[in-house]
N, C-alpha and C. Protein backbone atom coordinates (compact mmCIF):
# COMPACT_ATOMS: atom_id res chain seq x y z
N UNK A 1 147.58 105.73 -117.89
CA UNK A 1 147.06 106.97 -118.41
C UNK A 1 145.83 107.45 -117.61
N UNK A 2 144.95 106.52 -117.27
CA UNK A 2 143.76 106.86 -116.51
C UNK A 2 144.14 107.40 -115.13
N UNK A 3 145.16 106.81 -114.52
CA UNK A 3 145.60 107.26 -113.20
C UNK A 3 146.11 108.70 -113.25
N UNK A 4 146.80 109.06 -114.31
CA UNK A 4 147.30 110.43 -114.47
C UNK A 4 146.13 111.41 -114.57
N UNK A 5 145.11 111.05 -115.33
CA UNK A 5 143.92 111.90 -115.46
C UNK A 5 143.23 112.07 -114.11
N UNK A 6 143.13 110.97 -113.38
CA UNK A 6 142.51 111.01 -112.05
C UNK A 6 143.32 111.90 -111.10
N UNK A 7 144.65 111.78 -111.15
CA UNK A 7 145.51 112.61 -110.29
C UNK A 7 145.32 114.10 -110.59
N UNK A 8 145.28 114.45 -111.87
CA UNK A 8 145.09 115.86 -112.22
C UNK A 8 143.68 116.34 -111.86
N UNK A 9 142.69 115.47 -112.01
CA UNK A 9 141.32 115.83 -111.61
C UNK A 9 141.25 116.08 -110.11
N UNK A 10 141.99 115.30 -109.32
CA UNK A 10 142.03 115.51 -107.88
C UNK A 10 142.66 116.85 -107.54
N UNK A 11 143.71 117.21 -108.24
CA UNK A 11 144.35 118.50 -108.01
C UNK A 11 143.36 119.63 -108.29
N UNK A 12 142.64 119.54 -109.40
CA UNK A 12 141.65 120.55 -109.74
C UNK A 12 140.55 120.60 -108.68
N UNK A 13 140.11 119.44 -108.20
CA UNK A 13 139.07 119.40 -107.17
C UNK A 13 139.54 120.05 -105.88
N UNK A 14 140.75 119.77 -105.45
CA UNK A 14 141.27 120.39 -104.23
C UNK A 14 141.47 121.89 -104.40
N UNK A 15 141.87 122.32 -105.59
CA UNK A 15 141.99 123.76 -105.85
C UNK A 15 140.62 124.42 -105.74
N UNK A 16 139.60 123.78 -106.29
CA UNK A 16 138.25 124.33 -106.23
C UNK A 16 137.75 124.40 -104.78
N UNK A 17 137.98 123.36 -104.00
CA UNK A 17 137.56 123.37 -102.60
C UNK A 17 138.28 124.46 -101.82
N UNK A 18 139.56 124.58 -102.04
CA UNK A 18 140.35 125.59 -101.32
C UNK A 18 139.94 126.99 -101.77
N UNK A 19 139.67 127.18 -103.05
CA UNK A 19 139.23 128.49 -103.54
C UNK A 19 137.90 128.87 -102.89
N UNK A 20 137.01 127.92 -102.73
CA UNK A 20 135.73 128.19 -102.06
C UNK A 20 135.95 128.65 -100.63
N UNK A 21 136.84 128.01 -99.92
CA UNK A 21 137.12 128.40 -98.53
C UNK A 21 137.75 129.79 -98.50
N UNK A 22 138.63 130.09 -99.43
CA UNK A 22 139.26 131.41 -99.48
C UNK A 22 138.21 132.49 -99.74
N UNK A 23 137.26 132.20 -100.63
CA UNK A 23 136.17 133.15 -100.87
C UNK A 23 135.37 133.38 -99.60
N UNK A 24 135.11 132.32 -98.85
CA UNK A 24 134.39 132.46 -97.58
C UNK A 24 135.20 133.28 -96.58
N UNK A 25 136.51 133.06 -96.54
CA UNK A 25 137.38 133.83 -95.65
C UNK A 25 137.30 135.32 -95.99
N UNK A 26 137.39 135.64 -97.27
CA UNK A 26 137.30 137.04 -97.69
C UNK A 26 135.93 137.63 -97.34
N UNK A 27 134.89 136.85 -97.48
CA UNK A 27 133.54 137.31 -97.15
C UNK A 27 133.42 137.62 -95.65
N UNK A 28 133.95 136.75 -94.82
CA UNK A 28 133.89 136.97 -93.37
C UNK A 28 134.69 138.19 -92.97
N UNK A 29 135.90 138.33 -93.52
CA UNK A 29 136.72 139.48 -93.14
C UNK A 29 136.15 140.79 -93.66
N UNK A 30 135.47 140.76 -94.80
CA UNK A 30 134.85 141.97 -95.33
C UNK A 30 133.69 142.40 -94.45
N UNK A 31 132.85 141.45 -94.02
CA UNK A 31 131.69 141.78 -93.19
C UNK A 31 132.04 141.91 -91.71
N UNK A 32 133.18 141.34 -91.33
CA UNK A 32 133.62 141.32 -89.93
C UNK A 32 132.55 140.68 -89.03
N UNK A 33 131.92 139.65 -89.56
CA UNK A 33 130.90 138.93 -88.80
C UNK A 33 130.80 137.50 -89.32
N UNK A 34 130.54 136.59 -88.40
CA UNK A 34 130.33 135.19 -88.78
C UNK A 34 129.14 134.59 -88.05
N UNK A 35 128.24 135.45 -87.58
CA UNK A 35 127.15 134.95 -86.76
C UNK A 35 126.14 134.11 -87.54
N UNK A 36 126.14 134.19 -88.87
CA UNK A 36 125.21 133.38 -89.66
C UNK A 36 125.80 132.02 -90.06
N UNK A 37 126.98 131.69 -89.56
CA UNK A 37 127.64 130.43 -89.91
C UNK A 37 127.55 129.48 -88.71
N UNK A 38 127.15 128.24 -88.98
CA UNK A 38 126.97 127.24 -87.93
C UNK A 38 128.32 126.70 -87.46
N UNK A 39 128.60 126.88 -86.18
CA UNK A 39 129.85 126.34 -85.61
C UNK A 39 129.79 124.81 -85.57
N UNK A 40 128.63 124.25 -85.25
CA UNK A 40 128.50 122.78 -85.21
C UNK A 40 128.80 122.19 -86.59
N UNK A 41 128.28 122.82 -87.63
CA UNK A 41 128.56 122.34 -88.99
C UNK A 41 130.03 122.41 -89.33
N UNK A 42 130.69 123.46 -88.88
CA UNK A 42 132.13 123.61 -89.14
C UNK A 42 132.94 122.55 -88.40
N UNK A 43 132.53 122.25 -87.18
CA UNK A 43 133.23 121.21 -86.41
C UNK A 43 133.07 119.86 -87.09
N UNK A 44 131.88 119.57 -87.57
CA UNK A 44 131.65 118.30 -88.27
C UNK A 44 132.49 118.22 -89.54
N UNK A 45 132.53 119.31 -90.32
CA UNK A 45 133.35 119.34 -91.54
C UNK A 45 134.84 119.20 -91.21
N UNK A 46 135.28 119.83 -90.11
CA UNK A 46 136.68 119.72 -89.70
C UNK A 46 137.04 118.28 -89.37
N UNK A 47 136.15 117.62 -88.65
CA UNK A 47 136.37 116.22 -88.30
C UNK A 47 136.45 115.36 -89.57
N UNK A 48 135.54 115.59 -90.51
CA UNK A 48 135.55 114.84 -91.76
C UNK A 48 136.83 115.07 -92.55
N UNK A 49 137.29 116.31 -92.61
CA UNK A 49 138.52 116.63 -93.34
C UNK A 49 139.73 115.96 -92.68
N UNK A 50 139.75 115.92 -91.36
CA UNK A 50 140.85 115.28 -90.64
C UNK A 50 140.85 113.77 -90.87
N UNK A 51 139.68 113.15 -90.85
CA UNK A 51 139.58 111.71 -91.11
C UNK A 51 140.07 111.40 -92.52
N UNK A 52 139.68 112.22 -93.49
CA UNK A 52 140.15 112.01 -94.86
C UNK A 52 141.67 112.15 -94.96
N UNK A 53 142.23 113.13 -94.27
CA UNK A 53 143.69 113.31 -94.29
C UNK A 53 144.40 112.08 -93.73
N UNK A 54 143.89 111.55 -92.63
CA UNK A 54 144.48 110.34 -92.05
C UNK A 54 144.39 109.18 -93.03
N UNK A 55 143.23 109.02 -93.66
CA UNK A 55 143.04 107.95 -94.65
C UNK A 55 144.01 108.11 -95.81
N UNK A 56 144.21 109.33 -96.29
CA UNK A 56 145.11 109.56 -97.41
C UNK A 56 146.56 109.28 -97.02
N UNK A 57 146.93 109.58 -95.76
CA UNK A 57 148.26 109.21 -95.29
C UNK A 57 148.44 107.70 -95.31
N UNK A 58 147.42 106.99 -94.85
CA UNK A 58 147.49 105.53 -94.83
C UNK A 58 147.58 104.94 -96.23
N UNK A 59 146.96 105.60 -97.20
CA UNK A 59 147.05 105.16 -98.59
C UNK A 59 148.39 105.52 -99.23
N UNK A 60 149.12 106.44 -98.60
CA UNK A 60 150.41 106.93 -99.11
C UNK A 60 150.28 107.53 -100.50
N UNK A 61 149.18 108.22 -100.75
CA UNK A 61 148.97 108.88 -102.04
C UNK A 61 149.35 110.35 -101.89
N UNK A 62 150.47 110.70 -102.49
CA UNK A 62 151.03 112.04 -102.33
C UNK A 62 150.07 113.14 -102.78
N UNK A 63 149.40 112.94 -103.91
CA UNK A 63 148.47 113.96 -104.41
C UNK A 63 147.33 114.20 -103.41
N UNK A 64 146.79 113.14 -102.87
CA UNK A 64 145.70 113.28 -101.92
C UNK A 64 146.16 113.94 -100.62
N UNK A 65 147.32 113.55 -100.14
CA UNK A 65 147.84 114.11 -98.89
C UNK A 65 148.12 115.60 -99.05
N UNK A 66 148.78 115.98 -100.13
CA UNK A 66 149.08 117.40 -100.35
C UNK A 66 147.79 118.22 -100.51
N UNK A 67 146.89 117.73 -101.34
CA UNK A 67 145.63 118.44 -101.56
C UNK A 67 144.82 118.59 -100.29
N UNK A 68 144.69 117.52 -99.53
CA UNK A 68 143.91 117.57 -98.30
C UNK A 68 144.58 118.43 -97.24
N UNK A 69 145.91 118.42 -97.19
CA UNK A 69 146.63 119.25 -96.23
C UNK A 69 146.41 120.73 -96.53
N UNK A 70 146.50 121.11 -97.80
CA UNK A 70 146.27 122.51 -98.18
C UNK A 70 144.83 122.91 -97.84
N UNK A 71 143.89 122.03 -98.17
CA UNK A 71 142.49 122.30 -97.86
C UNK A 71 142.28 122.46 -96.36
N UNK A 72 142.87 121.57 -95.58
CA UNK A 72 142.71 121.61 -94.13
C UNK A 72 143.32 122.87 -93.54
N UNK A 73 144.46 123.32 -94.05
CA UNK A 73 145.06 124.57 -93.56
C UNK A 73 144.15 125.76 -93.87
N UNK A 74 143.58 125.79 -95.07
CA UNK A 74 142.65 126.87 -95.41
C UNK A 74 141.41 126.78 -94.53
N UNK A 75 140.96 125.57 -94.26
CA UNK A 75 139.77 125.40 -93.44
C UNK A 75 140.02 125.81 -91.98
N UNK A 76 141.22 125.54 -91.47
CA UNK A 76 141.57 125.97 -90.11
C UNK A 76 141.55 127.50 -90.03
N UNK A 77 142.07 128.16 -91.07
CA UNK A 77 142.02 129.62 -91.12
C UNK A 77 140.58 130.10 -91.11
N UNK A 78 139.76 129.47 -91.92
CA UNK A 78 138.33 129.81 -92.00
C UNK A 78 137.66 129.64 -90.64
N UNK A 79 137.89 128.51 -90.01
CA UNK A 79 137.28 128.23 -88.71
C UNK A 79 137.76 129.22 -87.65
N UNK A 80 139.04 129.57 -87.70
CA UNK A 80 139.59 130.54 -86.75
C UNK A 80 138.92 131.91 -86.92
N UNK A 81 138.69 132.31 -88.16
CA UNK A 81 138.01 133.59 -88.40
C UNK A 81 136.55 133.54 -87.96
N UNK A 82 135.92 132.39 -88.09
CA UNK A 82 134.54 132.26 -87.62
C UNK A 82 134.50 132.49 -86.12
N UNK A 83 135.42 131.90 -85.40
CA UNK A 83 135.47 132.08 -83.94
C UNK A 83 135.81 133.53 -83.61
N UNK A 84 136.79 134.10 -84.30
CA UNK A 84 137.24 135.46 -84.03
C UNK A 84 136.13 136.49 -84.24
N UNK A 85 135.39 136.35 -85.34
CA UNK A 85 134.37 137.34 -85.68
C UNK A 85 132.98 136.97 -85.16
N UNK A 86 132.89 135.99 -84.31
CA UNK A 86 131.60 135.61 -83.72
C UNK A 86 131.11 136.73 -82.82
N UNK A 87 129.93 137.23 -83.07
CA UNK A 87 129.39 138.33 -82.25
C UNK A 87 128.01 138.02 -81.78
């Protein structure tokens, strides 16, 4: 029972993380600028997200892999827009 609660809590956490990135994406596209966002910080976060995805694959935990993959795809979109709108 506890594992089921933890699995659902993870899904909610990944939804919240992805929603935050989507809000940032909308903010960047609305302003058409990303000059106030640190590229170094984004690279570090990307590396961390990739390491977590690899770890979750090694654990073979489907919920973690799916959640982290969705988050990483949203983050790649975010990072791409940061580069695109860099002025």
